[in-house]
Amino acid sequence: MTFPDFYMITGKFSDTSEFTEKLECALREGNKIVQLRCKQISDVDQYLALAEIAQEICDRYDTTLLLATDAESFRRSSAGGLHLTSDALAGCEERPVEEGKLLSVSCHTAEDLALAQRLGADILLLSPVKATSSHPGVPGIGWQAFREMTAGIDHPVYALGGMAASDLQDAKAAGAAGVAAISSFWK
C-alpha cells in the first residue's frame, strides 16, 4: 500500500451533523487516512454508531477509516483498521487485527517503536514532535530526535504533535512518511 502524506485525526464536534460536515470537508480536501478519535464518547455502541456514519462517508471518498478503540470493539465494525494508544500497545502480545486490516499505533519512546514493529504495525505515529496545546508542559522531541528514533524502521512513521500541513517538508527531511494532525484538517 502507498501511504499518503497526511494522516488525519478527528477532533471535537458538538453533534452528528457537525461531525459529518467536518469529515466531508476534510475528505474533499483529499485526506485518505482518517483516525476516528472521539474522546468525548465513552459508550462503545455510540462510538460504533458514529463509526458506521464515518465509514459510509469514507467509502464515498475512497478513504481508509481507522478506529481508535479496543480490538474487540473494532471487530464489530467494517473499518479498514485499528489505532492503538501507546498504553494499549504495551498490553499486546500479538497483532490484534487480522492481516488485510491496518494497524496504527501511537509511539512515544524507542521501546514503543520496537514493540509496534514486532507486532507488525502498518503505521506508526511518533509524538510529540513539537509542543502541543493538547498536552501542555510536554516538550516536543524535535526533528533531530525524530530522525534518530526512526532510523532503521521499515514501516511508515508519521510525525504527530503540533503538526500542520506546512510541516510536511521538515517531516519528510527527517524520514517521516508524512504528518498526522487534528487541527490542520479538522475545521
Foldseek 3Di string as FASTA:
>chain_A
DQDDQEAEEADDDDDLVLSLVLLLQLLVVPAAHYEDDDPVDPDLVVSQVSVVVSVVSNVVSNHAYEYADDLVSCVVHPGQEYEYELVNLVVDPEQSDDPRGAYEYEDADLVSLVSCVVRPHQEYEYDDQAAAPVDPPDGHPHLVVLLVSCVPPPHAYAHEHPDAQVCFVSCVVSPHSHHYYHVNRRD
